[in-house]
């Protein structure tokens, strides 16, 4: 696997934002099924997250067109819970209040899958300890795609704190990664690795590429499985936020982007730019 020192090791995901047609239904889903807390509402959007950490922003646009079958954008947002007990509670919420679309043991993680009311993919997962991650002969991370024992996972929920009645994911839940549908795997990989500075981190079948910073299994997934070919101009993914440790790291990335011909604009406390498919990426410092 390739290695680039360009992004700091502690680079990670902050928030993602979705444009939605029915704000009330989407808030209900991400609160009652995923288990996020509504943190803030104003005239521009609703923010959900855990404790003081925002993870998802919803913008209501009832007049926007649904995402087309050929449009690139979000494959899924992946919310990482801090324990197997918390993932067991997610099983209960999905069974009681929604539909579990899939469950997979990836070796590096255990993952549950569903779609939100407007068709955006959602993953809820927990990581195994890094020492237990499967590896190839050259030491690279190797994900698997094995069946997950749902009954055993559900039984792992702590009766005292992670019962069927538990409404929220625990503190420490993060946006672990985001998985995108792109039109060209080669172009997207070049952008996220050579230009933005992620490492290509993990092998996983054909038509996909996974990238990360700091030795994680992946912060960004890319795939061409559904043969998307045009940018999304309607509902769905608005932007993805990356967090770096300080303003110096933002300046370094900005200079590299501009040097590679990428247009960069100031937004909030950081910068915004787009990947080859027009997917907006925001970058800001955590300090």
C-alpha atoms as a PDB file:
ATOM      1  CA  UNK A   1       0.000   0.000   0.000  1.00  0.00           C
ATOM      2  CA  UNK A   2       1.176   3.527  -0.706  1.00  0.00           C
ATOM      3  CA  UNK A   3       2.263   5.859   2.065  1.00  0.00           C
ATOM      4  CA  UNK A   4       2.167   9.648   2.087  1.00  0.00           C
ATOM      5  CA  UNK A   5       3.223  11.810   5.022  1.00  0.00           C
ATOM      6  CA  UNK A   6       1.095  14.720   3.857  1.00  0.00           C
ATOM      7  CA  UNK A   7      -1.777  14.630   6.380  1.00  0.00           C
ATOM      8  CA  UNK A   8      -1.068  14.585  10.141  1.00  0.00           C
ATOM      9  CA  UNK A   9      -1.586  11.228  11.829  1.00  0.00           C
ATOM     10  CA  UNK A  10      -4.448  12.555  13.959  1.00  0.00           C
ATOM     11  CA  UNK A  11      -6.497  13.780  11.010  1.00  0.00           C
ATOM     12  CA  UNK A  12     -10.073  12.523  11.395  1.00  0.00           C
ATOM     13  CA  UNK A  13     -13.671  13.136  10.329  1.00  0.00           C
ATOM     14  CA  UNK A  14     -15.682  15.908  11.957  1.00  0.00           C
ATOM     15  CA  UNK A  15     -19.181  16.280  10.508  1.00  0.00           C
ATOM     16  CA  UNK A  16     -21.064  15.553   7.334  1.00  0.00           C
ATOM     17  CA  UNK A  17     -24.016  17.557   6.047  1.00  0.00           C
ATOM     18  CA  UNK A  18     -27.074  16.342   4.167  1.00  0.00           C
ATOM     19  CA  UNK A  19     -29.670  18.238   2.164  1.00  0.00           C
ATOM     20  CA  UNK A  20     -33.044  16.712   3.072  1.00  0.00           C
ATOM     21  CA  UNK A  21     -36.637  17.059   1.913  1.00  0.00           C
ATOM     22  CA  UNK A  22     -38.414  16.205   5.197  1.00  0.00           C
ATOM     23  CA  UNK A  23     -36.440  17.593   8.115  1.00  0.00           C
ATOM     24  CA  UNK A  24     -38.766  16.286  10.825  1.00  0.00           C
ATOM     25  CA  UNK A  25     -38.597  12.690   9.565  1.00  0.00           C
ATOM     26  CA  UNK A  26     -34.834  12.823   9.242  1.00  0.00           C
ATOM     27  CA  UNK A  27     -34.342  14.253  12.721  1.00  0.00           C
ATOM     28  CA  UNK A  28     -36.545  11.493  14.126  1.00  0.00           C
ATOM     29  CA  UNK A  29     -34.499   8.809  12.356  1.00  0.00           C
ATOM     30  CA  UNK A  30     -31.076  10.065  13.390  1.00  0.00           C
ATOM     31  CA  UNK A  31     -32.276  10.652  16.961  1.00  0.00           C
ATOM     32  CA  UNK A  32     -34.388   7.543  17.608  1.00  0.00           C
ATOM     33  CA  UNK A  33     -32.711   4.954  15.364  1.00  0.00           C
ATOM     34  CA  UNK A  34     -29.071   6.020  15.077  1.00  0.00           C
ATOM     35  CA  UNK A  35     -29.150   7.506  18.573  1.00  0.00           C
ATOM     36  CA  UNK A  36     -27.745  11.022  18.087  1.00  0.00           C
ATOM     37  CA  UNK A  37     -28.775  13.972  20.236  1.00  0.00           C
ATOM     38  CA  UNK A  38     -30.271  17.119  18.676  1.00  0.00           C
ATOM     39  CA  UNK A  39     -27.755  19.790  19.652  1.00  0.00           C
ATOM     40  CA  UNK A  40     -28.768  22.929  17.798  1.00  0.00           C
ATOM     41  CA  UNK A  41     -31.490  24.218  15.489  1.00  0.00           C
ATOM     42  CA  UNK A  42     -31.626  27.526  13.647  1.00  0.00           C
ATOM     43  CA  UNK A  43     -32.883  28.918  10.366  1.00  0.00           C
ATOM     44  CA  UNK A  44     -30.119  27.288   8.347  1.00  0.00           C
ATOM     45  CA  UNK A  45     -29.934  23.755   9.704  1.00  0.00           C
ATOM     46  CA  UNK A  46     -30.169  21.223  12.518  1.00  0.00           C
ATOM     47  CA  UNK A  47     -27.063  19.734  14.130  1.00  0.00           C
ATOM     48  CA  UNK A  48     -26.988  16.331  15.815  1.00  0.00           C
ATOM     49  CA  UNK A  49     -24.174  14.660  17.707  1.00  0.00           C
ATOM     50  CA  UNK A  50     -23.012  13.360  21.085  1.00  0.00           C
ATOM     51  CA  UNK A  51     -22.136  15.362  24.196  1.00  0.00           C
ATOM     52  CA  UNK A  52     -20.427  18.506  22.839  1.00  0.00           C
ATOM     53  CA  UNK A  53     -19.345  16.870  19.567  1.00  0.00           C
ATOM     54  CA  UNK A  54     -21.378  17.641  16.421  1.00  0.00           C
ATOM     55  CA  UNK A  55     -21.485  14.816  13.865  1.00  0.00           C
ATOM     56  CA  UNK A  56     -24.276  15.559  11.387  1.00  0.00           C
ATOM     57  CA  UNK A  57     -25.900  18.688   9.952  1.00  0.00           C
ATOM     58  CA  UNK A  58     -29.277  18.537   8.187  1.00  0.00           C
ATOM     59  CA  UNK A  59     -30.400  21.289   5.795  1.00  0.00           C
ATOM     60  CA  UNK A  60     -34.041  21.241   4.726  1.00  0.00           C
ATOM     61  CA  UNK A  61     -34.717  21.859   1.025  1.00  0.00           C
ATOM     62  CA  UNK A  62     -38.168  20.486   0.147  1.00  0.00           C
ATOM     63  CA  UNK A  63     -37.908  21.764  -3.434  1.00  0.00           C
ATOM     64  CA  UNK A  64     -34.655  19.959  -4.263  1.00  0.00           C
ATOM     65  CA  UNK A  65     -34.706  17.039  -6.678  1.00  0.00           C
ATOM     66  CA  UNK A  66     -33.981  13.544  -5.338  1.00  0.00           C
ATOM     67  CA  UNK A  67     -30.539  12.202  -6.131  1.00  0.00           C
ATOM     68  CA  UNK A  68     -30.505  10.532  -9.537  1.00  0.00           C
ATOM     69  CA  UNK A  69     -29.418   6.963 -10.178  1.00  0.00           C
ATOM     70  CA  UNK A  70     -26.318   8.133 -12.077  1.00  0.00           C
ATOM     71  CA  UNK A  71     -25.234  10.808  -9.608  1.00  0.00           C
ATOM     72  CA  UNK A  72     -22.148  10.493  -7.450  1.00  0.00           C
ATOM     73  CA  UNK A  73     -22.151  11.319  -3.740  1.00  0.00           C
ATOM     74  CA  UNK A  74     -22.739   9.458  -0.494  1.00  0.00           C
ATOM     75  CA  UNK A  75     -22.590   5.678  -0.180  1.00  0.00           C
ATOM     76  CA  UNK A  76     -22.842   5.836   3.595  1.00  0.00           C
ATOM     77  CA  UNK A  77     -22.002   7.828   6.685  1.00  0.00           C
ATOM     78  CA  UNK A  78     -20.401   5.547   9.282  1.00  0.00           C
ATOM     79  CA  UNK A  79     -20.924   6.278  12.978  1.00  0.00           C
ATOM     80  CA  UNK A  80     -18.404   4.510  15.212  1.00  0.00           C
ATOM     81  CA  UNK A  81     -19.575   3.571  18.704  1.00  0.00           C
ATOM     82  CA  UNK A  82     -17.014   2.967  21.466  1.00  0.00           C
ATOM     83  CA  UNK A  83     -18.049  -0.523  22.572  1.00  0.00           C
ATOM     84  CA  UNK A  84     -19.623  -3.786  21.510  1.00  0.00           C
ATOM     85  CA  UNK A  85     -22.328  -3.173  24.105  1.00  0.00           C
ATOM     86  CA  UNK A  86     -23.280   0.065  22.349  1.00  0.00           C
ATOM     87  CA  UNK A  87     -23.409  -1.750  19.018  1.00  0.00           C
ATOM     88  CA  UNK A  88     -25.688  -4.329  20.614  1.00  0.00           C
ATOM     89  CA  UNK A  89     -28.054  -1.535  21.598  1.00  0.00           C
ATOM     90  CA  UNK A  90     -28.003  -0.289  18.010  1.00  0.00           C
ATOM     91  CA  UNK A  91     -29.217  -3.738  16.932  1.00  0.00           C
ATOM     92  CA  UNK A  92     -32.175  -3.365  19.290  1.00  0.00           C
ATOM     93  CA  UNK A  93     -33.059   0.114  18.029  1.00  0.00           C
ATOM     94  CA  UNK A  94     -32.886  -1.013  14.412  1.00  0.00           C
ATOM     95  CA  UNK A  95     -35.054  -4.054  15.091  1.00  0.00           C
ATOM     96  CA  UNK A  96     -37.630  -2.092  17.079  1.00  0.00           C
ATOM     97  CA  UNK A  97     -37.811   1.101  15.036  1.00  0.00           C
ATOM     98  CA  UNK A  98     -36.384   0.531  11.565  1.00  0.00           C
ATOM     99  CA  UNK A  99     -35.039  -2.120   9.169  1.00  0.00           C
ATOM    100  CA  UNK A 100     -31.606  -3.668   9.437  1.00  0.00           C
ATOM    101  CA  UNK A 101     -30.346  -3.942   5.849  1.00  0.00           C
ATOM    102  CA  UNK A 102     -27.121  -5.798   6.553  1.00  0.00           C
ATOM    103  CA  UNK A 103     -24.582  -6.861   9.161  1.00  0.00           C
ATOM    104  CA  UNK A 104     -20.957  -7.720   8.402  1.00  0.00           C
ATOM    105  CA  UNK A 105     -17.844  -8.788  10.276  1.00  0.00           C
ATOM    106  CA  UNK A 106     -15.044  -6.900   8.537  1.00  0.00           C
ATOM    107  CA  UNK A 107     -12.281  -8.268  10.720  1.00  0.00           C
ATOM    108  CA  UNK A 108     -11.214  -4.750  11.624  1.00  0.00           C
ATOM    109  CA  UNK A 109     -14.751  -3.958  12.779  1.00  0.00           C
ATOM    110  CA  UNK A 110     -18.309  -5.200  13.262  1.00  0.00           C
ATOM    111  CA  UNK A 111     -20.826  -3.206  11.240  1.00  0.00           C
ATOM    112  CA  UNK A 112     -24.574  -2.728  10.914  1.00  0.00           C
ATOM    113  CA  UNK A 113     -26.124  -1.170   7.803  1.00  0.00           C
ATOM    114  CA  UNK A 114     -29.386   0.578   6.981  1.00  0.00           C
ATOM    115  CA  UNK A 115     -30.695   3.489   4.930  1.00  0.00           C
ATOM    116  CA  UNK A 116     -32.303   6.649   6.275  1.00  0.00           C
ATOM    117  CA  UNK A 117     -35.819   7.776   5.214  1.00  0.00           C
ATOM    118  CA  UNK A 118     -34.429   9.512   2.114  1.00  0.00           C
ATOM    119  CA  UNK A 119     -32.176   6.718   0.929  1.00  0.00           C
ATOM    120  CA  UNK A 120     -28.826   7.823   2.369  1.00  0.00           C
ATOM    121  CA  UNK A 121     -26.707   4.913   3.527  1.00  0.00           C
ATOM    122  CA  UNK A 122     -25.882   4.589   7.220  1.00  0.00           C
ATOM    123  CA  UNK A 123     -23.355   2.350   8.953  1.00  0.00           C
ATOM    124  CA  UNK A 124     -23.081   1.928  12.714  1.00  0.00           C
ATOM    125  CA  UNK A 125     -19.943   0.054  13.750  1.00  0.00           C
ATOM    126  CA  UNK A 126     -17.395  -0.639  16.427  1.00  0.00           C
ATOM    127  CA  UNK A 127     -13.690  -1.246  15.895  1.00  0.00           C
ATOM    128  CA  UNK A 128     -11.782  -4.246  17.092  1.00  0.00           C
ATOM    129  CA  UNK A 129      -8.472  -3.572  18.813  1.00  0.00           C
ATOM    130  CA  UNK A 130      -5.872  -2.634  16.210  1.00  0.00           C
ATOM    131  CA  UNK A 131      -3.602  -5.544  17.162  1.00  0.00           C
ATOM    132  CA  UNK A 132      -6.381  -7.912  16.034  1.00  0.00           C
ATOM    133  CA  UNK A 133      -6.895  -6.379  12.583  1.00  0.00           C
ATOM    134  CA  UNK A 134      -6.275  -8.871   9.750  1.00  0.00           C
ATOM    135  CA  UNK A 135      -3.164  -8.162   7.703  1.00  0.00           C
ATOM    136  CA  UNK A 136      -1.754  -9.214   4.344  1.00  0.00           C
ATOM    137  CA  UNK A 137       1.702 -10.752   4.064  1.00  0.00           C
ATOM    138  CA  UNK A 138       3.252  -7.303   3.573  1.00  0.00           C
ATOM    139  CA  UNK A 139       1.573  -5.985   6.737  1.00  0.00           C
ATOM    140  CA  UNK A 140      -1.194  -3.998   5.057  1.00  0.00           C
ATOM    141  CA  UNK A 141      -4.648  -3.962   6.634  1.00  0.00           C
ATOM    142  CA  UNK A 142      -6.984  -6.522   5.069  1.00  0.00           C
ATOM    143  CA  UNK A 143     -10.710  -6.168   5.591  1.00  0.00           C
ATOM    144  CA  UNK A 144     -13.006  -9.185   5.432  1.00  0.00           C
ATOM    145  CA  UNK A 145     -16.684  -9.521   4.619  1.00  0.00           C
ATOM    146  CA  UNK A 146     -17.992 -12.316   6.812  1.00  0.00           C
ATOM    147  CA  UNK A 147     -21.451 -12.838   8.349  1.00  0.00           C
ATOM    148  CA  UNK A 148     -22.004 -11.165  11.706  1.00  0.00           C
ATOM    149  CA  UNK A 149     -23.616 -13.098  14.567  1.00  0.00           C
ATOM    150  CA  UNK A 150     -26.511 -10.727  15.272  1.00  0.00           C
ATOM    151  CA  UNK A 151     -27.877 -12.747  18.167  1.00  0.00           C
ATOM    152  CA  UNK A 152     -24.545 -12.701  19.990  1.00  0.00           C
ATOM    153  CA  UNK A 153     -24.127  -9.002  19.289  1.00  0.00           C
ATOM    154  CA  UNK A 154     -27.584  -8.158  20.598  1.00  0.00           C
ATOM    155  CA  UNK A 155     -26.888 -10.213  23.714  1.00  0.00           C
ATOM    156  CA  UNK A 156     -23.772  -8.135  24.372  1.00  0.00           C
ATOM    157  CA  UNK A 157     -25.827  -5.081  25.265  1.00  0.00           C
ATOM    158  CA  UNK A 158     -25.410  -4.127  28.910  1.00  0.00           C
ATOM    159  CA  UNK A 159     -28.792  -4.391  30.628  1.00  0.00           C
ATOM    160  CA  UNK A 160     -28.024  -1.464  32.887  1.00  0.00           C
ATOM    161  CA  UNK A 161     -26.876   1.090  30.359  1.00  0.00           C
ATOM    162  CA  UNK A 162     -27.297  -0.296  26.844  1.00  0.00           C
ATOM    163  CA  UNK A 163     -30.750  -1.872  26.968  1.00  0.00           C
ATOM    164  CA  UNK A 164     -33.420  -1.858  24.291  1.00  0.00           C
ATOM    165  CA  UNK A 165     -34.719   1.321  25.900  1.00  0.00           C
ATOM    166  CA  UNK A 166     -31.423   3.158  25.469  1.00  0.00           C
ATOM    167  CA  UNK A 167     -32.250   6.115  23.258  1.00  0.00           C
ATOM    168  CA  UNK A 168     -28.797   7.552  22.532  1.00  0.00           C
ATOM    169  CA  UNK A 169     -25.376   6.331  21.513  1.00  0.00           C
ATOM    170  CA  UNK A 170     -22.804   6.873  24.279  1.00  0.00           C
ATOM    171  CA  UNK A 171     -20.322   9.695  24.537  1.00  0.00           C
ATOM    172  CA  UNK A 172     -17.247   8.837  22.534  1.00  0.00           C
ATOM    173  CA  UNK A 173     -19.256   8.005  19.412  1.00  0.00           C
ATOM    174  CA  UNK A 174     -17.671   9.608  16.348  1.00  0.00           C
ATOM    175  CA  UNK A 175     -18.103   9.860  12.613  1.00  0.00           C
ATOM    176  CA  UNK A 176     -15.545   7.163  11.966  1.00  0.00           C
ATOM    177  CA  UNK A 177     -15.502   7.293   8.185  1.00  0.00           C
ATOM    178  CA  UNK A 178     -17.440   8.338   5.129  1.00  0.00           C
ATOM    179  CA  UNK A 179     -17.860   6.183   2.028  1.00  0.00           C
ATOM    180  CA  UNK A 180     -18.375   7.916  -1.318  1.00  0.00           C
ATOM    181  CA  UNK A 181     -19.602   6.844  -4.743  1.00  0.00           C
ATOM    182  CA  UNK A 182     -17.341   8.276  -7.428  1.00  0.00           C
ATOM    183  CA  UNK A 183     -17.243   8.188 -11.215  1.00  0.00           C
ATOM    184  CA  UNK A 184     -13.566   7.277 -11.618  1.00  0.00           C
ATOM    185  CA  UNK A 185     -11.690   5.326  -8.979  1.00  0.00           C
ATOM    186  CA  UNK A 186      -8.355   6.300 -10.533  1.00  0.00           C
ATOM    187  CA  UNK A 187      -9.133  10.038 -10.472  1.00  0.00           C
ATOM    188  CA  UNK A 188     -10.608   9.932  -6.975  1.00  0.00           C
ATOM    189  CA  UNK A 189      -7.703   7.937  -5.589  1.00  0.00           C
ATOM    190  CA  UNK A 190      -5.222  10.386  -7.115  1.00  0.00           C
ATOM    191  CA  UNK A 191      -7.059  13.312  -5.537  1.00  0.00           C
ATOM    192  CA  UNK A 192      -7.508  11.893  -2.039  1.00  0.00           C
ATOM    193  CA  UNK A 193      -4.032  10.351  -1.870  1.00  0.00           C
ATOM    194  CA  UNK A 194      -1.586  12.342  -3.995  1.00  0.00           C
ATOM    195  CA  UNK A 195      -3.279  15.745  -3.720  1.00  0.00           C
ATOM    196  CA  UNK A 196      -5.091  15.778  -0.372  1.00  0.00           C
ATOM    197  CA  UNK A 197      -2.589  13.512   1.348  1.00  0.00           C
ATOM    198  CA  UNK A 198      -4.323  10.421   2.712  1.00  0.00           C
ATOM    199  CA  UNK A 199      -2.565   7.054   2.684  1.00  0.00           C
ATOM    200  CA  UNK A 200      -4.103   4.233   0.677  1.00  0.00           C
ATOM    201  CA  UNK A 201      -4.748   2.030   3.663  1.00  0.00           C
ATOM    202  CA  UNK A 202      -6.606  -1.177   2.961  1.00  0.00           C
ATOM    203  CA  UNK A 203      -7.273  -3.874   0.381  1.00  0.00           C
ATOM    204  CA  UNK A 204     -10.916  -4.795  -0.169  1.00  0.00           C
ATOM    205  CA  UNK A 205     -12.041  -6.352  -3.448  1.00  0.00           C
ATOM    206  CA  UNK A 206     -12.512  -4.687  -6.831  1.00  0.00           C
ATOM    207  CA  UNK A 207     -13.949  -1.282  -7.655  1.00  0.00           C
ATOM    208  CA  UNK A 208     -13.093   0.224  -4.289  1.00  0.00           C
ATOM    209  CA  UNK A 209     -10.299   2.095  -2.558  1.00  0.00           C
ATOM    210  CA  UNK A 210      -9.881   2.962   1.112  1.00  0.00           C
ATOM    211  CA  UNK A 211      -7.770   5.778   2.521  1.00  0.00           C
ATOM    212  CA  UNK A 212      -6.786   6.950   5.984  1.00  0.00           C
ATOM    213  CA  UNK A 213      -4.382   8.926   8.120  1.00  0.00           C
ATOM    214  CA  UNK A 214      -2.393   7.657  11.073  1.00  0.00           C
ATOM    215  CA  UNK A 215      -2.686   3.942  10.348  1.00  0.00           C
ATOM    216  CA  UNK A 216      -6.481   3.743  10.687  1.00  0.00           C
ATOM    217  CA  UNK A 217      -8.290   1.205   8.477  1.00  0.00           C
ATOM    218  CA  UNK A 218     -10.106   3.995   6.607  1.00  0.00           C
ATOM    219  CA  UNK A 219     -11.417   7.507   7.007  1.00  0.00           C
ATOM    220  CA  UNK A 220     -12.586   7.697   3.383  1.00  0.00           C
ATOM    221  CA  UNK A 221     -13.954   4.901   1.225  1.00  0.00           C
ATOM    222  CA  UNK A 222     -14.405   5.217  -2.528  1.00  0.00           C
ATOM    223  CA  UNK A 223     -16.267   2.913  -4.877  1.00  0.00           C
ATOM    224  CA  UNK A 224     -17.613   2.659  -8.424  1.00  0.00           C
ATOM    225  CA  UNK A 225     -19.893  -0.313  -7.762  1.00  0.00           C
ATOM    226  CA  UNK A 226     -23.066   1.412  -9.002  1.00  0.00           C
ATOM    227  CA  UNK A 227     -21.395   3.084 -12.006  1.00  0.00           C
ATOM    228  CA  UNK A 228     -22.256   6.643 -11.045  1.00  0.00           C
ATOM    229  CA  UNK A 229     -21.158   9.159 -13.669  1.00  0.00           C
ATOM    230  CA  UNK A 230     -22.502  12.676 -12.978  1.00  0.00           C
ATOM    231  CA  UNK A 231     -22.280  15.062  -9.987  1.00  0.00           C
ATOM    232  CA  UNK A 232     -25.171  15.217  -7.541  1.00  0.00           C
ATOM    233  CA  UNK A 233     -27.142  18.441  -7.775  1.00  0.00           C
ATOM    234  CA  UNK A 234     -30.065  17.708  -5.451  1.00  0.00           C
ATOM    235  CA  UNK A 235     -30.792  16.002  -2.147  1.00  0.00           C
ATOM    236  CA  UNK A 236     -28.110  14.078  -0.328  1.00  0.00           C
ATOM    237  CA  UNK A 237     -24.546  14.856   0.626  1.00  0.00           C
ATOM    238  CA  UNK A 238     -23.717  18.566   0.973  1.00  0.00           C
ATOM    239  CA  UNK A 239     -20.204  18.352   2.394  1.00  0.00           C
ATOM    240  CA  UNK A 240     -17.751  16.277   4.393  1.00  0.00           C
ATOM    241  CA  UNK A 241     -15.585  17.817   7.111  1.00  0.00           C
ATOM    242  CA  UNK A 242     -12.017  16.785   7.915  1.00  0.00           C
ATOM    243  CA  UNK A 243     -10.292  17.927  11.106  1.00  0.00           C
ATOM    244  CA  UNK A 244      -6.539  18.504  11.416  1.00  0.00           C
ATOM    245  CA  UNK A 245      -4.651  19.404  14.596  1.00  0.00           C
ATOM    246  CA  UNK A 246      -3.747  23.042  13.941  1.00  0.00           C
ATOM    247  CA  UNK A 247      -3.896  26.005  11.573  1.00  0.00           C
ATOM    248  CA  UNK A 248      -0.460  25.176  10.212  1.00  0.00           C
ATOM    249  CA  UNK A 249      -1.793  21.891   8.860  1.00  0.00           C
ATOM    250  CA  UNK A 250      -4.665  23.733   7.169  1.00  0.00           C
ATOM    251  CA  UNK A 251      -2.180  26.111   5.537  1.00  0.00           C
ATOM    252  CA  UNK A 252      -0.043  23.204   4.330  1.00  0.00           C
ATOM    253  CA  UNK A 253      -3.009  21.448   2.741  1.00  0.00           C
ATOM    254  CA  UNK A 254      -4.267  24.698   1.200  1.00  0.00           C
ATOM    255  CA  UNK A 255      -0.904  25.319  -0.443  1.00  0.00           C
ATOM    256  CA  UNK A 256      -0.765  21.778  -1.810  1.00  0.00           C
ATOM    257  CA  UNK A 257      -4.312  22.001  -3.202  1.00  0.00           C
ATOM    258  CA  UNK A 258      -3.677  25.350  -4.895  1.00  0.00           C
ATOM    259  CA  UNK A 259      -0.389  24.039  -6.260  1.00  0.00           C
ATOM    260  CA  UNK A 260      -2.333  21.189  -7.889  1.00  0.00           C
ATOM    261  CA  UNK A 261      -4.878  23.536  -9.471  1.00  0.00           C
ATOM    262  CA  UNK A 262      -7.696  22.951  -6.967  1.00  0.00           C
ATOM    263  CA  UNK A 263      -9.889  25.977  -6.221  1.00  0.00           C
ATOM    264  CA  UNK A 264     -10.039  26.687  -2.467  1.00  0.00           C
ATOM    265  CA  UNK A 265     -12.431  29.050  -0.678  1.00  0.00           C
ATOM    266  CA  UNK A 266     -12.669  30.173   2.948  1.00  0.00           C
ATOM    267  CA  UNK A 267     -15.638  28.833   4.911  1.00  0.00           C
ATOM    268  CA  UNK A 268     -16.453  28.987   8.636  1.00  0.00           C
ATOM    269  CA  UNK A 269     -13.140  28.434  10.439  1.00  0.00           C
ATOM    270  CA  UNK A 270     -11.432  26.628   7.584  1.00  0.00           C
ATOM    271  CA  UNK A 271     -11.412  26.001   3.848  1.00  0.00           C
ATOM    272  CA  UNK A 272     -13.639  24.250   1.310  1.00  0.00           C
ATOM    273  CA  UNK A 273     -12.794  22.589  -1.995  1.00  0.00           C
ATOM    274  CA  UNK A 274     -14.275  19.863  -4.196  1.00  0.00           C
ATOM    275  CA  UNK A 275     -13.057  16.483  -5.355  1.00  0.00           C
ATOM    276  CA  UNK A 276     -13.140  15.408  -9.034  1.00  0.00           C
ATOM    277  CA  UNK A 277     -16.869  14.592  -8.739  1.00  0.00           C
ATOM    278  CA  UNK A 278     -17.806  17.928  -7.206  1.00  0.00           C
ATOM    279  CA  UNK A 279     -18.175  16.503  -3.678  1.00  0.00           C
ATOM    280  CA  UNK A 280     -17.463  19.355  -1.244  1.00  0.00           C
ATOM    281  CA  UNK A 281     -14.790  18.776   1.383  1.00  0.00           C
ATOM    282  CA  UNK A 282     -14.271  21.125   4.313  1.00  0.00           C
ATOM    283  CA  UNK A 283     -11.040  21.230   6.284  1.00  0.00           C
ATOM    284  CA  UNK A 284     -10.491  22.993   9.581  1.00  0.00           C
ATOM    285  CA  UNK A 285      -8.250  22.883  12.622  1.00  0.00           C
ATOM    286  CA  UNK A 286      -9.482  21.550  15.957  1.00  0.00           C
ATOM    287  CA  UNK A 287      -7.600  24.191  17.989  1.00  0.00           C
END
